[in-house]
Amino acid sequence: MQDPGSTRPTTSLGDPISDHGLRRELRLLYLYLGVVGFGGALVMVTLGIWRAYLAYQNYGPALVWRWSTPSWIAAAALAVIGLVSLFILWRRQDMKIRLYANGMAYRRGGQVEVLFWRQVRAIRTSASRYLLPILGTRTRSELTLIMVGRKPVRLTGYFEDLNQLMKTVKEQIYPRLMADYVKAFRLGQPTVFGPLTLTTGGIQHGKRSIPWKKVRGIDIERGKMIILWKSNEHISRLSVPTTKIPNVEICYQFIRRLGQQP
C-alpha cells in the first residue's frame, strides 16, 4: 500500500511488519458480477427491443408492452446487480492496513487513520458459519479492537490473509494486556472479562461463584468457552459465548493456570 506517512506521519509507529489489502478473490468477484450484470442487462435490453419489434410487426402496438416487459425487468435487475457490485468494488478497492511495531495505519472513509497498540484496551473475536450455493459451508471471522476514547476498529474477512493479520495484532497487544491483568490480579483487584469476573477466590458469573479449587477444566469449542467445575458430587458445565468475552485468550490462560486441571 501507499505509505500512510505520505498522508499522516507514522514515524512513531516504528518499523512496518506487514500489509493487508482487499482480498484478491473479492476484487475479482465484484468485477465479475459487475461485468456480468451490465453485460446481461445489455443482452436483455436487446432482447426487449427485438420482442417489442416482433409484437408491433405481428400484432400492433397493443401487445408491445406485454411482450417486452419481462426483458425490461430482467435488464433493470441485472443492471442493479452490476451497479451495486462495481460500487462496492470502488468503495473497498483502497481498503488497506499496514501493521507496525507500535501500531497500525488504515483507511477509513477515504482518510488514513493511525492507531497505537497502547490505545487498545480489549480485543473481541467472533466466527460465524454460513452456506454458499455450490461452494458449501464457509467460516467468517472478525476481530474488533476496543479502543480508549475512539470508535472500535473492525478487521473483517474482506482483508487478505486475515488469520495472519489477527495473529500479528494479538501478538502486539496481548503481552501488554496480560501484564496489566496480572498486576491487577496480584493486587487483589477483580479481573473482568465481560460476564466473567476472576478474583483471588474464584470465578464469578452472575450470581454463581466457582472457587478455584473446584475448577476441573476449561476448553473453547464451537464459539463457546466451556468451564468444568465440581458441583457437589458431579461435574457441571458453565458455557459462555466467546463473543461476549473480551480478550478471551487471556481469560482462557488465567482460568487454565488458576484452576485445577484433571
C-alpha atoms as a PDB file:
ATOM      1  CA  MET A   1       0.000   0.000   0.000  1.00  0.00           C
ATOM      2  CA  GLN A   2       0.991   3.617  -0.348  1.00  0.00           C
ATOM      3  CA  ASP A   3       2.978   4.667   2.702  1.00  0.00           C
ATOM      4  CA  PRO A   4       0.443   6.173   5.123  1.00  0.00           C
ATOM      5  CA  GLY A   5       3.218   8.524   6.156  1.00  0.00           C
ATOM      6  CA  SER A   6       2.603  10.441   2.950  1.00  0.00           C
ATOM      7  CA  THR A   7      -0.816  11.398   4.286  1.00  0.00           C
ATOM      8  CA  ARG A   8      -0.192  11.345   8.024  1.00  0.00           C
ATOM      9  CA  PRO A   9       3.043  10.932   9.978  1.00  0.00           C
ATOM     10  CA  THR A  10       3.714   7.334  11.035  1.00  0.00           C
ATOM     11  CA  THR A  11       7.330   7.559  12.145  1.00  0.00           C
ATOM     12  CA  SER A  12       6.314   6.955  15.771  1.00  0.00           C
ATOM     13  CA  LEU A  13       4.674   3.668  14.778  1.00  0.00           C
ATOM     14  CA  GLY A  14       8.057   2.008  14.392  1.00  0.00           C
ATOM     15  CA  ASP A  15       9.120  -0.470  11.739  1.00  0.00           C
ATOM     16  CA  PRO A  16       6.474  -1.849   9.333  1.00  0.00           C
ATOM     17  CA  ILE A  17       5.531  -5.502   9.762  1.00  0.00           C
ATOM     18  CA  SER A  18       3.023  -6.390   7.041  1.00  0.00           C
ATOM     19  CA  ASP A  19       0.433  -5.016   4.601  1.00  0.00           C
ATOM     20  CA  HIS A  20      -3.105  -6.291   4.104  1.00  0.00           C
ATOM     21  CA  GLY A  21      -5.466  -5.105   1.372  1.00  0.00           C
ATOM     22  CA  LEU A  22      -8.768  -6.256  -0.074  1.00  0.00           C
ATOM     23  CA  ARG A  23      -8.709  -9.970  -0.838  1.00  0.00           C
ATOM     24  CA  ARG A  24      -7.901 -10.658  -4.478  1.00  0.00           C
ATOM     25  CA  GLU A  25     -10.779 -13.111  -4.891  1.00  0.00           C
ATOM     26  CA  LEU A  26     -13.218 -10.454  -3.680  1.00  0.00           C
ATOM     27  CA  ARG A  27     -11.857  -7.948  -6.198  1.00  0.00           C
ATOM     28  CA  LEU A  28     -12.358 -10.492  -8.972  1.00  0.00           C
ATOM     29  CA  LEU A  29     -15.813 -11.441  -7.687  1.00  0.00           C
ATOM     30  CA  TYR A  30     -17.080  -7.844  -7.599  1.00  0.00           C
ATOM     31  CA  LEU A  31     -15.578  -7.169 -11.026  1.00  0.00           C
ATOM     32  CA  TYR A  32     -17.106 -10.357 -12.415  1.00  0.00           C
ATOM     33  CA  LEU A  33     -20.554  -9.530 -11.038  1.00  0.00           C
ATOM     34  CA  GLY A  34     -20.282  -6.008 -12.421  1.00  0.00           C
ATOM     35  CA  VAL A  35     -19.367  -7.176 -15.913  1.00  0.00           C
ATOM     36  CA  VAL A  36     -21.938  -9.969 -15.913  1.00  0.00           C
ATOM     37  CA  GLY A  37     -24.612  -7.631 -14.554  1.00  0.00           C
ATOM     38  CA  PHE A  38     -24.143  -4.917 -17.151  1.00  0.00           C
ATOM     39  CA  GLY A  39     -23.464  -7.436 -19.931  1.00  0.00           C
ATOM     40  CA  GLY A  40     -26.642  -9.308 -19.057  1.00  0.00           C
ATOM     41  CA  ALA A  41     -28.571  -6.049 -18.886  1.00  0.00           C
ATOM     42  CA  LEU A  42     -27.384  -5.161 -22.392  1.00  0.00           C
ATOM     43  CA  VAL A  43     -28.487  -8.558 -23.678  1.00  0.00           C
ATOM     44  CA  MET A  44     -31.919  -8.155 -22.049  1.00  0.00           C
ATOM     45  CA  VAL A  45     -32.329  -4.659 -23.481  1.00  0.00           C
ATOM     46  CA  THR A  46     -31.515  -6.001 -26.936  1.00  0.00           C
ATOM     47  CA  LEU A  47     -33.962  -8.859 -26.428  1.00  0.00           C
ATOM     48  CA  GLY A  48     -36.633  -6.426 -25.224  1.00  0.00           C
ATOM     49  CA  ILE A  49     -36.224  -4.264 -28.298  1.00  0.00           C
ATOM     50  CA  TRP A  50     -36.425  -7.315 -30.533  1.00  0.00           C
ATOM     51  CA  ARG A  51     -39.560  -8.639 -28.833  1.00  0.00           C
ATOM     52  CA  ALA A  52     -41.169  -5.196 -28.964  1.00  0.00           C
ATOM     53  CA  TYR A  53     -40.406  -5.040 -32.688  1.00  0.00           C
ATOM     54  CA  LEU A  54     -41.893  -8.504 -33.304  1.00  0.00           C
ATOM     55  CA  ALA A  55     -45.025  -7.653 -31.306  1.00  0.00           C
ATOM     56  CA  TYR A  56     -45.516  -4.411 -33.186  1.00  0.00           C
ATOM     57  CA  GLN A  57     -44.976  -6.052 -36.577  1.00  0.00           C
ATOM     58  CA  ASN A  58     -47.302  -9.001 -35.966  1.00  0.00           C
ATOM     59  CA  TYR A  59     -49.950  -7.753 -33.515  1.00  0.00           C
ATOM     60  CA  GLY A  60     -49.739  -3.999 -33.456  1.00  0.00           C
ATOM     61  CA  PRO A  61     -48.870  -1.609 -30.603  1.00  0.00           C
ATOM     62  CA  ALA A  62     -51.367  -3.164 -28.170  1.00  0.00           C
ATOM     63  CA  LEU A  63     -49.076  -6.111 -27.279  1.00  0.00           C
ATOM     64  CA  VAL A  64     -45.710  -4.352 -27.421  1.00  0.00           C
ATOM     65  CA  TRP A  65     -45.556  -3.664 -23.692  1.00  0.00           C
ATOM     66  CA  ARG A  66     -46.737  -7.145 -22.715  1.00  0.00           C
ATOM     67  CA  TRP A  67     -44.136  -8.858 -24.905  1.00  0.00           C
ATOM     68  CA  SER A  68     -41.205  -6.676 -23.926  1.00  0.00           C
ATOM     69  CA  THR A  69     -41.857  -6.060 -20.200  1.00  0.00           C
ATOM     70  CA  PRO A  70     -40.145  -9.256 -18.876  1.00  0.00           C
ATOM     71  CA  SER A  71     -36.966  -8.308 -20.734  1.00  0.00           C
ATOM     72  CA  TRP A  72     -37.026  -4.740 -19.361  1.00  0.00           C
ATOM     73  CA  ILE A  73     -37.484  -6.042 -15.804  1.00  0.00           C
ATOM     74  CA  ALA A  74     -34.628  -8.543 -16.196  1.00  0.00           C
ATOM     75  CA  ALA A  75     -32.431  -5.805 -17.681  1.00  0.00           C
ATOM     76  CA  ALA A  76     -33.141  -3.489 -14.746  1.00  0.00           C
ATOM     77  CA  ALA A  77     -32.393  -6.224 -12.187  1.00  0.00           C
ATOM     78  CA  LEU A  78     -29.104  -7.164 -13.866  1.00  0.00           C
ATOM     79  CA  ALA A  79     -28.102  -3.509 -14.158  1.00  0.00           C
ATOM     80  CA  VAL A  80     -28.716  -3.031 -10.439  1.00  0.00           C
ATOM     81  CA  ILE A  81     -26.548  -6.070  -9.664  1.00  0.00           C
ATOM     82  CA  GLY A  82     -23.778  -4.730 -11.865  1.00  0.00           C
ATOM     83  CA  LEU A  83     -24.017  -1.217 -10.442  1.00  0.00           C
ATOM     84  CA  VAL A  84     -24.009  -2.377  -6.803  1.00  0.00           C
ATOM     85  CA  SER A  85     -21.067  -4.734  -7.415  1.00  0.00           C
ATOM     86  CA  LEU A  86     -18.940  -2.045  -9.073  1.00  0.00           C
ATOM     87  CA  PHE A  87     -19.901   0.472  -6.385  1.00  0.00           C
ATOM     88  CA  ILE A  88     -18.762  -1.938  -3.652  1.00  0.00           C
ATOM     89  CA  LEU A  89     -15.519  -2.566  -5.558  1.00  0.00           C
ATOM     90  CA  TRP A  90     -14.946   1.181  -5.888  1.00  0.00           C
ATOM     91  CA  ARG A  91     -15.594   1.773  -2.189  1.00  0.00           C
ATOM     92  CA  ARG A  92     -13.391  -1.083  -0.999  1.00  0.00           C
ATOM     93  CA  GLN A  93     -10.590  -1.241  -3.527  1.00  0.00           C
ATOM     94  CA  ASP A  94      -8.397   1.027  -1.378  1.00  0.00           C
ATOM     95  CA  MET A  95      -9.021  -0.908   1.849  1.00  0.00           C
ATOM     96  CA  LYS A  96      -5.536  -1.293   3.274  1.00  0.00           C
ATOM     97  CA  ILE A  97      -3.937  -1.906   6.629  1.00  0.00           C
ATOM     98  CA  ARG A  98      -0.257  -1.606   7.413  1.00  0.00           C
ATOM     99  CA  LEU A  99       0.905  -3.100  10.695  1.00  0.00           C
ATOM    100  CA  TYR A 100       3.821  -1.561  12.564  1.00  0.00           C
ATOM    101  CA  ALA A 101       5.718  -2.470  15.700  1.00  0.00           C
ATOM    102  CA  ASN A 102       3.865   0.165  17.749  1.00  0.00           C
ATOM    103  CA  GLY A 103       0.513   0.347  15.971  1.00  0.00           C
ATOM    104  CA  MET A 104      -1.119   0.338  12.576  1.00  0.00           C
ATOM    105  CA  ALA A 105      -2.294   2.665   9.837  1.00  0.00           C
ATOM    106  CA  TYR A 106      -5.549   2.004   7.998  1.00  0.00           C
ATOM    107  CA  ARG A 107      -8.012   3.715   5.694  1.00  0.00           C
ATOM    108  CA  ARG A 108     -11.425   4.728   6.990  1.00  0.00           C
ATOM    109  CA  GLY A 109     -13.785   6.829   4.889  1.00  0.00           C
ATOM    110  CA  GLY A 110     -11.026   7.727   2.450  1.00  0.00           C
ATOM    111  CA  GLN A 111      -8.778   9.011   5.228  1.00  0.00           C
ATOM    112  CA  VAL A 112      -5.685   7.354   6.688  1.00  0.00           C
ATOM    113  CA  GLU A 113      -6.102   6.737  10.413  1.00  0.00           C
ATOM    114  CA  VAL A 114      -3.332   5.898  12.864  1.00  0.00           C
ATOM    115  CA  LEU A 115      -3.814   3.574  15.812  1.00  0.00           C
ATOM    116  CA  PHE A 116      -1.304   2.806  18.566  1.00  0.00           C
ATOM    117  CA  TRP A 117      -1.342  -0.574  20.282  1.00  0.00           C
ATOM    118  CA  ARG A 118      -1.332   1.147  23.668  1.00  0.00           C
ATOM    119  CA  GLN A 119      -4.746   2.630  22.822  1.00  0.00           C
ATOM    120  CA  VAL A 120      -6.338  -0.832  22.618  1.00  0.00           C
ATOM    121  CA  ARG A 121      -7.998  -1.925  25.855  1.00  0.00           C
ATOM    122  CA  ALA A 122      -9.622  -5.111  24.599  1.00  0.00           C
ATOM    123  CA  ILE A 123      -9.902  -7.481  21.648  1.00  0.00           C
ATOM    124  CA  ARG A 124     -13.131  -9.215  20.688  1.00  0.00           C
ATOM    125  CA  THR A 125     -13.164 -12.096  18.235  1.00  0.00           C
ATOM    126  CA  SER A 126     -16.066 -13.797  16.522  1.00  0.00           C
ATOM    127  CA  ALA A 127     -16.585 -16.515  13.936  1.00  0.00           C
ATOM    128  CA  SER A 128     -19.786 -17.481  12.154  1.00  0.00           C
ATOM    129  CA  ARG A 129     -20.584 -20.163   9.630  1.00  0.00           C
ATOM    130  CA  TYR A 130     -22.661 -19.557   6.516  1.00  0.00           C
ATOM    131  CA  LEU A 131     -23.710 -21.546   3.460  1.00  0.00           C
ATOM    132  CA  LEU A 132     -22.872 -20.623  -0.124  1.00  0.00           C
ATOM    133  CA  PRO A 133     -24.591 -22.420  -3.026  1.00  0.00           C
ATOM    134  CA  ILE A 134     -22.249 -24.954  -4.662  1.00  0.00           C
ATOM    135  CA  LEU A 135     -19.268 -23.795  -2.562  1.00  0.00           C
ATOM    136  CA  GLY A 136     -20.675 -25.226   0.658  1.00  0.00           C
ATOM    137  CA  THR A 137     -20.135 -24.041   4.236  1.00  0.00           C
ATOM    138  CA  ARG A 138     -17.720 -21.194   4.937  1.00  0.00           C
ATOM    139  CA  THR A 139     -16.499 -19.566   8.145  1.00  0.00           C
ATOM    140  CA  ARG A 140     -16.490 -15.796   8.556  1.00  0.00           C
ATOM    141  CA  SER A 141     -14.037 -14.483  11.163  1.00  0.00           C
ATOM    142  CA  GLU A 142     -13.823 -10.992  12.594  1.00  0.00           C
ATOM    143  CA  LEU A 143     -11.662  -9.183  15.117  1.00  0.00           C
ATOM    144  CA  THR A 144     -12.711  -5.954  16.841  1.00  0.00           C
ATOM    145  CA  LEU A 145     -10.298  -3.659  18.643  1.00  0.00           C
ATOM    146  CA  ILE A 146     -11.977  -1.838  21.540  1.00  0.00           C
ATOM    147  CA  MET A 147     -10.255   1.498  21.829  1.00  0.00           C
ATOM    148  CA  VAL A 148      -9.744   4.129  24.513  1.00  0.00           C
ATOM    149  CA  GLY A 149     -11.563   7.322  23.576  1.00  0.00           C
ATOM    150  CA  ARG A 150     -12.429   6.398  19.981  1.00  0.00           C
ATOM    151  CA  LYS A 151     -14.619   4.137  17.879  1.00  0.00           C
ATOM    152  CA  PRO A 152     -13.885   0.395  17.716  1.00  0.00           C
ATOM    153  CA  VAL A 153     -11.886  -0.834  14.729  1.00  0.00           C
ATOM    154  CA  ARG A 154     -13.127  -3.962  12.945  1.00  0.00           C
ATOM    155  CA  LEU A 155     -10.883  -6.299  10.984  1.00  0.00           C
ATOM    156  CA  THR A 156     -13.111  -8.440   8.784  1.00  0.00           C
ATOM    157  CA  GLY A 157     -12.840 -11.144   6.175  1.00  0.00           C
ATOM    158  CA  TYR A 158     -12.508  -8.514   3.465  1.00  0.00           C
ATOM    159  CA  PHE A 159      -8.784  -8.287   4.232  1.00  0.00           C
ATOM    160  CA  GLU A 160      -6.303 -10.679   2.653  1.00  0.00           C
ATOM    161  CA  ASP A 161      -4.573 -13.196   4.899  1.00  0.00           C
ATOM    162  CA  LEU A 162      -6.942 -12.371   7.754  1.00  0.00           C
ATOM    163  CA  ASN A 163      -5.704 -15.180  10.020  1.00  0.00           C
ATOM    164  CA  GLN A 164      -2.141 -13.883   9.885  1.00  0.00           C
ATOM    165  CA  LEU A 165      -3.415 -10.321  10.356  1.00  0.00           C
ATOM    166  CA  MET A 166      -5.325 -11.311  13.500  1.00  0.00           C
ATOM    167  CA  LYS A 167      -2.388 -13.347  14.804  1.00  0.00           C
ATOM    168  CA  THR A 168       0.045 -10.447  14.371  1.00  0.00           C
ATOM    169  CA  VAL A 169      -2.316  -7.946  16.023  1.00  0.00           C
ATOM    170  CA  LYS A 170      -2.775 -10.217  19.040  1.00  0.00           C
ATOM    171  CA  GLU A 171       0.973 -10.760  19.325  1.00  0.00           C
ATOM    172  CA  GLN A 172       1.463  -6.998  19.516  1.00  0.00           C
ATOM    173  CA  ILE A 173      -1.334  -6.307  22.020  1.00  0.00           C
ATOM    174  CA  TYR A 174      -1.804  -9.305  24.307  1.00  0.00           C
ATOM    175  CA  PRO A 175       1.563  -9.212  26.143  1.00  0.00           C
ATOM    176  CA  ARG A 176       0.849  -5.689  27.456  1.00  0.00           C
ATOM    177  CA  LEU A 177      -2.753  -6.522  28.371  1.00  0.00           C
ATOM    178  CA  MET A 178      -1.656  -9.747  30.083  1.00  0.00           C
ATOM    179  CA  ALA A 179       0.885  -7.828  32.171  1.00  0.00           C
ATOM    180  CA  ASP A 180      -1.818  -5.330  33.209  1.00  0.00           C
ATOM    181  CA  TYR A 181      -4.226  -8.131  34.164  1.00  0.00           C
ATOM    182  CA  VAL A 182      -1.573  -9.992  36.148  1.00  0.00           C
ATOM    183  CA  LYS A 183      -0.556  -6.848  38.014  1.00  0.00           C
ATOM    184  CA  ALA A 184      -4.179  -6.029  38.921  1.00  0.00           C
ATOM    185  CA  PHE A 185      -4.886  -9.615  39.962  1.00  0.00           C
ATOM    186  CA  ARG A 186      -1.841  -9.763  42.236  1.00  0.00           C
ATOM    187  CA  LEU A 187      -3.021  -6.554  43.901  1.00  0.00           C
ATOM    188  CA  GLY A 188      -6.285  -8.337  44.721  1.00  0.00           C
ATOM    189  CA  GLN A 189      -8.375  -6.416  42.199  1.00  0.00           C
ATOM    190  CA  PRO A 190     -11.214  -8.241  40.381  1.00  0.00           C
ATOM    191  CA  THR A 191     -10.316  -9.026  36.767  1.00  0.00           C
ATOM    192  CA  VAL A 192     -13.340  -8.567  34.497  1.00  0.00           C
ATOM    193  CA  PHE A 193     -13.786 -10.405  31.197  1.00  0.00           C
ATOM    194  CA  GLY A 194     -17.285  -9.454  30.128  1.00  0.00           C
ATOM    195  CA  PRO A 195     -19.740 -11.682  32.051  1.00  0.00           C
ATOM    196  CA  LEU A 196     -16.871 -13.395  33.893  1.00  0.00           C
ATOM    197  CA  THR A 197     -15.104 -11.842  36.863  1.00  0.00           C
ATOM    198  CA  LEU A 198     -11.960 -13.522  38.170  1.00  0.00           C
ATOM    199  CA  THR A 199     -10.985 -12.910  41.776  1.00  0.00           C
ATOM    200  CA  THR A 200      -8.472 -14.467  44.122  1.00  0.00           C
ATOM    201  CA  GLY A 201     -11.337 -16.605  45.413  1.00  0.00           C
ATOM    202  CA  GLY A 202     -12.608 -17.933  42.113  1.00  0.00           C
ATOM    203  CA  ILE A 203     -14.863 -17.209  39.129  1.00  0.00           C
ATOM    204  CA  GLN A 204     -17.977 -15.054  39.323  1.00  0.00           C
ATOM    205  CA  HIS A 205     -20.689 -15.444  36.669  1.00  0.00           C
ATOM    206  CA  GLY A 206     -23.825 -13.562  37.585  1.00  0.00           C
ATOM    207  CA  LYS A 207     -24.929 -14.895  40.947  1.00  0.00           C
ATOM    208  CA  ARG A 208     -22.839 -18.042  40.549  1.00  0.00           C
ATOM    209  CA  SER A 209     -19.488 -18.320  42.294  1.00  0.00           C
ATOM    210  CA  ILE A 210     -16.993 -21.072  41.458  1.00  0.00           C
ATOM    211  CA  PRO A 211     -13.978 -21.444  43.800  1.00  0.00           C
ATOM    212  CA  TRP A 212     -10.679 -22.134  42.081  1.00  0.00           C
ATOM    213  CA  LYS A 213     -10.292 -25.433  43.915  1.00  0.00           C
ATOM    214  CA  LYS A 214     -13.482 -26.704  42.261  1.00  0.00           C
ATOM    215  CA  VAL A 215     -12.478 -25.828  38.676  1.00  0.00           C
ATOM    216  CA  ARG A 216     -11.708 -29.028  36.805  1.00  0.00           C
ATOM    217  CA  GLY A 217     -11.042 -27.888  33.252  1.00  0.00           C
ATOM    218  CA  ILE A 218     -11.599 -25.339  30.535  1.00  0.00           C
ATOM    219  CA  ASP A 219     -11.969 -25.517  26.764  1.00  0.00           C
ATOM    220  CA  ILE A 220     -13.095 -23.401  23.819  1.00  0.00           C
ATOM    221  CA  GLU A 221     -15.277 -25.138  21.262  1.00  0.00           C
ATOM    222  CA  ARG A 222     -17.854 -24.032  18.697  1.00  0.00           C
ATOM    223  CA  GLY A 223     -17.648 -20.405  19.724  1.00  0.00           C
ATOM    224  CA  LYS A 224     -18.131 -21.062  23.448  1.00  0.00           C
ATOM    225  CA  MET A 225     -15.877 -21.152  26.486  1.00  0.00           C
ATOM    226  CA  ILE A 226     -16.681 -24.272  28.499  1.00  0.00           C
ATOM    227  CA  ILE A 227     -15.672 -24.297  32.175  1.00  0.00           C
ATOM    228  CA  LEU A 228     -15.923 -27.614  34.018  1.00  0.00           C
ATOM    229  CA  TRP A 229     -16.319 -27.434  37.772  1.00  0.00           C
ATOM    230  CA  LYS A 230     -17.207 -29.787  40.580  1.00  0.00           C
ATOM    231  CA  SER A 231     -20.683 -29.191  41.979  1.00  0.00           C
ATOM    232  CA  ASN A 232     -21.460 -31.499  44.905  1.00  0.00           C
ATOM    233  CA  GLU A 233     -20.579 -34.957  43.587  1.00  0.00           C
ATOM    234  CA  HIS A 234     -20.825 -34.342  39.835  1.00  0.00           C
ATOM    235  CA  ILE A 235     -19.131 -32.204  37.168  1.00  0.00           C
ATOM    236  CA  SER A 236     -21.093 -29.191  35.957  1.00  0.00           C
ATOM    237  CA  ARG A 237     -20.536 -27.120  32.820  1.00  0.00           C
ATOM    238  CA  LEU A 238     -20.569 -23.342  32.521  1.00  0.00           C
ATOM    239  CA  SER A 239     -20.913 -22.265  28.894  1.00  0.00           C
ATOM    240  CA  VAL A 240     -20.277 -18.660  27.829  1.00  0.00           C
ATOM    241  CA  PRO A 241     -20.193 -17.424  24.172  1.00  0.00           C
ATOM    242  CA  THR A 242     -16.696 -16.232  23.311  1.00  0.00           C
ATOM    243  CA  THR A 243     -18.183 -13.203  21.526  1.00  0.00           C
ATOM    244  CA  LYS A 244     -19.203 -11.871  24.954  1.00  0.00           C
ATOM    245  CA  ILE A 245     -15.723 -12.289  26.449  1.00  0.00           C
ATOM    246  CA  PRO A 246     -13.176  -9.581  25.597  1.00  0.00           C
ATOM    247  CA  ASN A 247      -9.568 -10.781  25.462  1.00  0.00           C
ATOM    248  CA  VAL A 248     -10.884 -14.316  25.509  1.00  0.00           C
ATOM    249  CA  GLU A 249      -7.435 -15.906  25.044  1.00  0.00           C
ATOM    250  CA  ILE A 250      -6.108 -14.115  28.140  1.00  0.00           C
ATOM    251  CA  CYS A 251      -9.186 -15.153  30.126  1.00  0.00           C
ATOM    252  CA  TYR A 252      -8.624 -18.736  28.998  1.00  0.00           C
ATOM    253  CA  GLN A 253      -4.994 -18.687  30.158  1.00  0.00           C
ATOM    254  CA  PHE A 254      -5.950 -17.198  33.538  1.00  0.00           C
ATOM    255  CA  ILE A 255      -8.556 -19.844  34.266  1.00  0.00           C
ATOM    256  CA  ARG A 256      -6.375 -22.657  32.954  1.00  0.00           C
ATOM    257  CA  ARG A 257      -3.487 -21.670  35.206  1.00  0.00           C
ATOM    258  CA  LEU A 258      -5.503 -20.910  38.334  1.00  0.00           C
ATOM    259  CA  GLY A 259      -7.991 -23.772  38.123  1.00  0.00           C
ATOM    260  CA  GLN A 260      -7.213 -27.368  38.987  1.00  0.00           C
ATOM    261  CA  GLN A 261      -6.731 -29.465  35.861  1.00  0.00           C
ATOM    262  CA  PRO A 262      -7.930 -33.069  35.806  1.00  0.00           C
END
